[in-house]
Every structure is written in structure tokens, then in C-alpha cells.
Amino acid sequence: MLTLRTRNTVHNLVKLTIVIHLFTFVIGGRVLSHVTKKIVFKEKLSLLDKIMRKEVPCDFLYEDDQCVAFNDIKPQAPFHFLVVPKRKISSLARAEDSDAQILGHMMLVAKKVAGQCNIDPYRVVINQGKGSASYSNYLHLHVLGGRDLHWPPG
């Protein structure tokens, strides 16, 4: 028998547990053997996961009890920083109504940090899905500025 179970952790990491029970035949009223194996697979952590767990050092431009802001390691504009919630939301598509407060707070932090850095104009971007160049399973805002931002982007 093969049993598959998924369980969400505090940080919404997917943990896949496979429990394999191998039974041999019952002959003469007794079980000849029984073997149980448990294999656990954990989702690979993204760079943002590691930064938020403080496993990778980072100089924060801003930090409060709900989110942090720091410079992007591959800037696409003279000023390019990220705003990341401390409580992991894996993507905008997976955000729930209960996340409205933190999503709004992240926008206000983007405005505050842009103002402290004298960035104007600036653009706030959320990438959603692999086709959008989203390389992380951790929702974050990109704030880009310091040059003219043409439309349409991309």
C-alpha cells in the first residue's frame, strides 16, 4: 500500500511524506514479514526564504514587525528594492482575504522607503507565475526607480 500525504508548515512549505507498507503473504496463519519505510521530501528553499530565516545575511533598508525591505541583488533600475512580508505568502494567486492588511502595509512601506531614498518616479511590481519572471515562491514587491519608466513595461 502506498500512502501520500501533504502538510503545510508554518511557512507554507510543502512537505511530502511517503509511507510505504510492504506486507508479505499470510501463510499458515502467520505474517512472514512486514516492512515500513518513511521518506520525507522538503521543498527547496528560495533565496528569499533563506534571507527571511536569517540564513543569508542582508542589509535591510527597512524592517518592522510585518515586513522588510532590501536592495535587489540583480537591480533592473538605478534603484531597485524588494518589500517582503515576514509571514510567508507563496504568491499573489494564493493570497487570501485575511492577507489584505499585510498587502496594504507592504504598499505603504514601498512608499515610505522610496521617499526616504528620494526615489521619484517609481514603479511597484508583483510578478505572478513562471511566465512573469517570478523566480521565487515567496510573494514580494519590486520597487524600481531612478530613471524614466516607460509604458508598456517588459
C-alpha atoms as a PDB file:
ATOM      1  CA  MET A   1       0.000   0.000   0.000  1.00  0.00           C
ATOM      2  CA  LEU A   2       1.342   3.483  -0.872  1.00  0.00           C
ATOM      3  CA  THR A   3       0.071   6.499   1.070  1.00  0.00           C
ATOM      4  CA  LEU A   4       0.818  10.084   0.028  1.00  0.00           C
ATOM      5  CA  ARG A   5       0.246  12.900   2.483  1.00  0.00           C
ATOM      6  CA  THR A   6       0.972  16.628   2.124  1.00  0.00           C
ATOM      7  CA  ARG A   7       1.150  19.009   5.036  1.00  0.00           C
ATOM      8  CA  ASN A   8       1.669  22.790   5.139  1.00  0.00           C
ATOM      9  CA  THR A   9       4.167  24.088   7.672  1.00  0.00           C
ATOM     10  CA  VAL A  10       4.169  27.494   9.310  1.00  0.00           C
ATOM     11  CA  HIS A  11       5.900  28.946   6.254  1.00  0.00           C
ATOM     12  CA  ASN A  12       3.614  27.128   3.790  1.00  0.00           C
ATOM     13  CA  LEU A  13       6.444  24.864   2.707  1.00  0.00           C
ATOM     14  CA  VAL A  14       5.193  21.721   1.131  1.00  0.00           C
ATOM     15  CA  LYS A  15       6.393  18.584   2.838  1.00  0.00           C
ATOM     16  CA  LEU A  16       5.644  15.355   1.066  1.00  0.00           C
ATOM     17  CA  THR A  17       5.698  12.223   3.155  1.00  0.00           C
ATOM     18  CA  ILE A  18       5.568   8.843   1.559  1.00  0.00           C
ATOM     19  CA  VAL A  19       4.835   5.914   3.813  1.00  0.00           C
ATOM     20  CA  ILE A  20       5.336   2.539   2.238  1.00  0.00           C
ATOM     21  CA  HIS A  21       3.965  -0.579   3.925  1.00  0.00           C
ATOM     22  CA  LEU A  22       5.155  -3.822   2.429  1.00  0.00           C
ATOM     23  CA  PHE A  23       3.420  -6.968   3.562  1.00  0.00           C
ATOM     24  CA  THR A  24       4.182 -10.490   2.510  1.00  0.00           C
ATOM     25  CA  PHE A  25       1.513 -13.092   2.274  1.00  0.00           C
ATOM     26  CA  VAL A  26      -0.050 -14.689   5.306  1.00  0.00           C
ATOM     27  CA  ILE A  27       0.774 -18.377   5.158  1.00  0.00           C
ATOM     28  CA  GLY A  28      -0.416 -20.807   7.752  1.00  0.00           C
ATOM     29  CA  GLY A  29      -1.964 -18.028   9.867  1.00  0.00           C
ATOM     30  CA  ARG A  30       1.231 -16.024  10.360  1.00  0.00           C
ATOM     31  CA  VAL A  31       2.703 -12.957   8.629  1.00  0.00           C
ATOM     32  CA  LEU A  32       6.089 -13.747   7.185  1.00  0.00           C
ATOM     33  CA  SER A  33       7.326 -10.123   7.158  1.00  0.00           C
ATOM     34  CA  HIS A  34       6.229  -6.504   7.481  1.00  0.00           C
ATOM     35  CA  VAL A  35       8.404  -3.545   6.496  1.00  0.00           C
ATOM     36  CA  THR A  36       7.547   0.161   6.860  1.00  0.00           C
ATOM     37  CA  LYS A  37       9.654   2.832   5.185  1.00  0.00           C
ATOM     38  CA  LYS A  38       9.125   6.574   5.563  1.00  0.00           C
ATOM     39  CA  ILE A  39      10.647   9.010   3.082  1.00  0.00           C
ATOM     40  CA  VAL A  40      10.317  12.783   3.621  1.00  0.00           C
ATOM     41  CA  PHE A  41      10.886  15.337   0.851  1.00  0.00           C
ATOM     42  CA  LYS A  42      11.111  19.046   1.631  1.00  0.00           C
ATOM     43  CA  GLU A  43      10.649  21.847  -0.858  1.00  0.00           C
ATOM     44  CA  LYS A  44      13.884  23.593  -1.807  1.00  0.00           C
ATOM     45  CA  LEU A  45      14.157  26.964  -0.049  1.00  0.00           C
ATOM     46  CA  SER A  46      14.408  30.075  -2.209  1.00  0.00           C
ATOM     47  CA  LEU A  47      16.878  32.876  -1.565  1.00  0.00           C
ATOM     48  CA  LEU A  48      14.030  34.932  -0.071  1.00  0.00           C
ATOM     49  CA  ASP A  49      13.176  32.083   2.316  1.00  0.00           C
ATOM     50  CA  LYS A  50      16.815  31.976   3.428  1.00  0.00           C
ATOM     51  CA  ILE A  51      17.000  35.759   3.872  1.00  0.00           C
ATOM     52  CA  MET A  52      13.799  35.778   5.926  1.00  0.00           C
ATOM     53  CA  ARG A  53      15.119  32.932   8.097  1.00  0.00           C
ATOM     54  CA  LYS A  54      18.347  34.953   8.508  1.00  0.00           C
ATOM     55  CA  GLU A  55      20.358  32.099   6.978  1.00  0.00           C
ATOM     56  CA  VAL A  56      21.714  34.561   4.394  1.00  0.00           C
ATOM     57  CA  PRO A  57      22.950  37.959   5.617  1.00  0.00           C
ATOM     58  CA  CYS A  58      21.146  41.020   4.289  1.00  0.00           C
ATOM     59  CA  ASP A  59      21.274  44.754   4.980  1.00  0.00           C
ATOM     60  CA  PHE A  60      17.677  45.861   5.398  1.00  0.00           C
ATOM     61  CA  LEU A  61      16.625  49.314   4.223  1.00  0.00           C
ATOM     62  CA  TYR A  62      13.563  48.942   6.428  1.00  0.00           C
ATOM     63  CA  GLU A  63      12.218  46.463   8.963  1.00  0.00           C
ATOM     64  CA  ASP A  64       9.164  46.315  11.184  1.00  0.00           C
ATOM     65  CA  ASP A  65       7.156  43.507  12.769  1.00  0.00           C
ATOM     66  CA  GLN A  66       5.373  42.716   9.474  1.00  0.00           C
ATOM     67  CA  CYS A  67       7.849  43.111   6.624  1.00  0.00           C
ATOM     68  CA  VAL A  68      11.343  44.069   5.476  1.00  0.00           C
ATOM     69  CA  ALA A  69      12.794  45.980   2.523  1.00  0.00           C
ATOM     70  CA  PHE A  70      16.221  45.491   0.965  1.00  0.00           C
ATOM     71  CA  ASN A  71      18.036  46.113  -2.311  1.00  0.00           C
ATOM     72  CA  ASP A  72      17.551  43.597  -5.125  1.00  0.00           C
ATOM     73  CA  ILE A  73      20.699  41.574  -5.871  1.00  0.00           C
ATOM     74  CA  LYS A  74      20.078  41.968  -9.643  1.00  0.00           C
ATOM     75  CA  PRO A  75      18.796  45.538  -9.980  1.00  0.00           C
ATOM     76  CA  GLN A  76      16.855  46.416 -13.125  1.00  0.00           C
ATOM     77  CA  ALA A  77      16.928  50.163 -12.434  1.00  0.00           C
ATOM     78  CA  PRO A  78      19.250  52.574 -10.576  1.00  0.00           C
ATOM     79  CA  PHE A  79      17.058  51.994  -7.519  1.00  0.00           C
ATOM     80  CA  HIS A  80      15.517  48.540  -7.167  1.00  0.00           C
ATOM     81  CA  PHE A  81      14.479  47.200  -3.808  1.00  0.00           C
ATOM     82  CA  LEU A  82      12.127  44.488  -2.583  1.00  0.00           C
ATOM     83  CA  VAL A  83       9.455  44.587   0.106  1.00  0.00           C
ATOM     84  CA  VAL A  84       8.878  41.134   1.632  1.00  0.00           C
ATOM     85  CA  PRO A  85       6.357  40.103   4.294  1.00  0.00           C
ATOM     86  CA  LYS A  86       7.740  38.263   7.315  1.00  0.00           C
ATOM     87  CA  ARG A  87       4.822  35.823   7.227  1.00  0.00           C
ATOM     88  CA  LYS A  88       5.224  33.888   4.023  1.00  0.00           C
ATOM     89  CA  ILE A  89       2.614  34.172   1.303  1.00  0.00           C
ATOM     90  CA  SER A  90       3.729  31.973  -1.576  1.00  0.00           C
ATOM     91  CA  SER A  91       2.169  34.065  -4.367  1.00  0.00           C
ATOM     92  CA  LEU A  92      -0.466  36.680  -5.079  1.00  0.00           C
ATOM     93  CA  ALA A  93      -2.651  33.932  -6.556  1.00  0.00           C
ATOM     94  CA  ARG A  94      -2.553  32.151  -3.181  1.00  0.00           C
ATOM     95  CA  ALA A  95      -3.203  35.275  -1.105  1.00  0.00           C
ATOM     96  CA  GLU A  96      -6.395  35.165   0.945  1.00  0.00           C
ATOM     97  CA  ASP A  97      -8.798  37.835   2.167  1.00  0.00           C
ATOM     98  CA  SER A  98      -7.059  37.669   5.551  1.00  0.00           C
ATOM     99  CA  ASP A  99      -3.839  38.848   3.843  1.00  0.00           C
ATOM    100  CA  ALA A 100      -5.355  42.210   2.832  1.00  0.00           C
ATOM    101  CA  GLN A 101      -3.819  44.084   5.784  1.00  0.00           C
ATOM    102  CA  ILE A 102      -0.247  42.925   5.130  1.00  0.00           C
ATOM    103  CA  LEU A 103      -0.561  43.507   1.375  1.00  0.00           C
ATOM    104  CA  GLY A 104      -1.683  47.090   2.024  1.00  0.00           C
ATOM    105  CA  HIS A 105       1.061  47.552   4.602  1.00  0.00           C
ATOM    106  CA  MET A 106       3.663  46.412   2.060  1.00  0.00           C
ATOM    107  CA  MET A 107       2.478  49.112  -0.363  1.00  0.00           C
ATOM    108  CA  LEU A 108       2.830  51.769   2.339  1.00  0.00           C
ATOM    109  CA  VAL A 109       6.326  50.510   3.179  1.00  0.00           C
ATOM    110  CA  ALA A 110       7.234  50.735  -0.526  1.00  0.00           C
ATOM    111  CA  LYS A 111       6.089  54.387  -0.484  1.00  0.00           C
ATOM    112  CA  LYS A 112       7.963  55.115   2.741  1.00  0.00           C
ATOM    113  CA  VAL A 113      11.289  53.592   1.620  1.00  0.00           C
ATOM    114  CA  ALA A 114      11.034  55.233  -1.831  1.00  0.00           C
ATOM    115  CA  GLY A 115      10.524  58.565  -0.077  1.00  0.00           C
ATOM    116  CA  GLN A 116      13.479  58.013   2.288  1.00  0.00           C
ATOM    117  CA  CYS A 117      15.675  57.211  -0.738  1.00  0.00           C
ATOM    118  CA  ASN A 118      14.315  60.208  -2.712  1.00  0.00           C
ATOM    119  CA  ILE A 119      13.102  57.931  -5.498  1.00  0.00           C
ATOM    120  CA  ASP A 120      10.555  59.600  -7.779  1.00  0.00           C
ATOM    121  CA  PRO A 121       9.153  58.407 -10.104  1.00  0.00           C
ATOM    122  CA  TYR A 122       8.988  54.764  -9.170  1.00  0.00           C
ATOM    123  CA  ARG A 123       7.045  51.656 -10.119  1.00  0.00           C
ATOM    124  CA  VAL A 124       5.747  48.872  -7.849  1.00  0.00           C
ATOM    125  CA  VAL A 125       5.566  45.401  -9.442  1.00  0.00           C
ATOM    126  CA  ILE A 126       4.382  41.968  -8.309  1.00  0.00           C
ATOM    127  CA  ASN A 127       5.356  39.060 -10.539  1.00  0.00           C
ATOM    128  CA  GLN A 128       2.853  36.206 -10.608  1.00  0.00           C
ATOM    129  CA  GLY A 129       3.702  32.867 -12.167  1.00  0.00           C
ATOM    130  CA  LYS A 130       6.654  31.487 -14.077  1.00  0.00           C
ATOM    131  CA  GLY A 131       5.881  33.386 -17.283  1.00  0.00           C
ATOM    132  CA  SER A 132       6.232  36.683 -15.403  1.00  0.00           C
ATOM    133  CA  ALA A 133       9.893  36.076 -14.495  1.00  0.00           C
ATOM    134  CA  SER A 134       8.922  35.106 -10.954  1.00  0.00           C
ATOM    135  CA  TYR A 135      11.800  33.032  -9.613  1.00  0.00           C
ATOM    136  CA  SER A 136      10.650  32.709  -6.028  1.00  0.00           C
ATOM    137  CA  ASN A 137       7.782  31.022  -4.229  1.00  0.00           C
ATOM    138  CA  TYR A 138       7.636  33.959  -1.810  1.00  0.00           C
ATOM    139  CA  LEU A 139       5.419  36.956  -2.573  1.00  0.00           C
ATOM    140  CA  HIS A 140       7.323  40.259  -2.710  1.00  0.00           C
ATOM    141  CA  LEU A 141       7.049  43.729  -4.209  1.00  0.00           C
ATOM    142  CA  HIS A 142       9.674  45.111  -6.580  1.00  0.00           C
ATOM    143  CA  VAL A 143      10.111  48.876  -6.354  1.00  0.00           C
ATOM    144  CA  LEU A 144      12.026  50.315  -9.307  1.00  0.00           C
ATOM    145  CA  GLY A 145      13.011  53.925  -9.893  1.00  0.00           C
ATOM    146  CA  GLY A 146      15.753  56.425 -10.604  1.00  0.00           C
ATOM    147  CA  ARG A 147      15.083  56.558 -14.359  1.00  0.00           C
ATOM    148  CA  ASP A 148      12.175  57.158 -16.711  1.00  0.00           C
ATOM    149  CA  LEU A 149       9.801  54.218 -16.586  1.00  0.00           C
ATOM    150  CA  HIS A 150       8.190  53.729 -19.986  1.00  0.00           C
ATOM    151  CA  TRP A 151       4.898  52.042 -20.738  1.00  0.00           C
ATOM    152  CA  PRO A 152       4.228  49.313 -21.548  1.00  0.00           C
ATOM    153  CA  PRO A 153       6.828  47.570 -19.412  1.00  0.00           C
ATOM    154  CA  GLY A 154       8.623  44.415 -20.445  1.00  0.00           C
END
